[in-house]
């Protein structure tokens, strides 16, 4: 499964592709361009947790220079 956020032009928001898979009773969502993942009890929860993890990662001062093209 893949999901991609598509923000409006010039929104200042990066776009990442997320792959979601199941591991036991958990759903795991991973941003494919950067090594960040999260999990949840549903696909939606895993994606929401991944979005929050990405926000925290970039708020902590990590730049998009570390993102694979």
Protein backbone atom coordinates (compact mmCIF):
# COMPACT_ATOMS: atom_id res chain seq x y z
CA UNK A 1 0.00 0.00 0.00
CA UNK A 2 1.23 3.49 -0.69
CA UNK A 3 -0.10 6.86 0.35
CA UNK A 4 1.20 10.27 -0.59
CA UNK A 5 0.38 13.65 0.86
CA UNK A 6 -0.05 16.30 -1.81
CA UNK A 7 0.12 19.79 -0.31
CA UNK A 8 -0.75 22.87 -2.36
CA UNK A 9 1.88 24.77 -4.33
CA UNK A 10 4.26 26.89 -2.27
CA UNK A 11 2.78 25.58 0.96
CA UNK A 12 6.22 25.00 2.47
CA UNK A 13 5.28 21.41 3.20
CA UNK A 14 7.35 18.48 1.96
CA UNK A 15 5.69 15.52 0.31
CA UNK A 16 6.65 11.94 1.12
CA UNK A 17 5.49 8.56 -0.05
CA UNK A 18 4.44 6.21 2.74
CA UNK A 19 4.39 2.43 2.52
CA UNK A 20 2.18 0.61 4.98
CA UNK A 21 2.47 -3.06 5.87
CA UNK A 22 1.21 -5.27 8.63
CA UNK A 23 3.45 -6.84 11.27
CA UNK A 24 1.39 -9.09 13.49
CA UNK A 25 -1.44 -7.02 14.90
CA UNK A 26 0.27 -3.68 14.07
CA UNK A 27 0.33 -1.60 10.91
CA UNK A 28 3.73 -0.06 10.14
CA UNK A 29 4.01 3.08 8.00
CA UNK A 30 7.40 4.09 6.62
CA UNK A 31 8.40 7.15 4.61
CA UNK A 32 10.26 5.72 1.63
CA UNK A 33 12.46 8.78 0.99
CA UNK A 34 13.72 9.06 4.55
CA UNK A 35 14.36 6.46 7.24
CA UNK A 36 11.42 7.26 9.50
CA UNK A 37 8.65 4.86 10.45
CA UNK A 38 5.81 4.60 12.92
CA UNK A 39 3.07 2.15 13.80
CA UNK A 40 -0.55 2.00 14.83
CA UNK A 41 -3.42 -0.37 15.44
CA UNK A 42 -4.98 0.66 12.10
CA UNK A 43 -3.60 1.87 8.78
CA UNK A 44 -4.98 5.35 9.45
CA UNK A 45 -3.43 5.49 12.90
CA UNK A 46 -0.06 4.35 11.55
CA UNK A 47 -0.15 7.07 8.86
CA UNK A 48 -1.17 9.74 11.38
CA UNK A 49 1.66 8.66 13.69
CA UNK A 50 4.12 8.75 10.77
CA UNK A 51 2.98 12.26 9.86
CA UNK A 52 3.59 13.35 13.46
CA UNK A 53 7.01 11.67 13.51
CA UNK A 54 8.00 13.50 10.31
CA UNK A 55 6.83 16.83 11.72
CA UNK A 56 8.85 16.29 14.90
CA UNK A 57 11.90 15.20 12.89
CA UNK A 58 11.94 18.39 10.83
CA UNK A 59 10.98 20.63 13.77
CA UNK A 60 14.04 19.27 15.59
CA UNK A 61 16.22 20.93 12.97
CA UNK A 62 16.84 18.10 10.55
CA UNK A 63 16.95 19.43 7.03
CA UNK A 64 15.58 17.99 3.82
CA UNK A 65 19.20 17.58 2.66
CA UNK A 66 19.08 14.08 4.16
CA UNK A 67 16.13 13.06 1.98
CA UNK A 68 16.88 10.70 -0.90
CA UNK A 69 16.03 12.12 -4.33
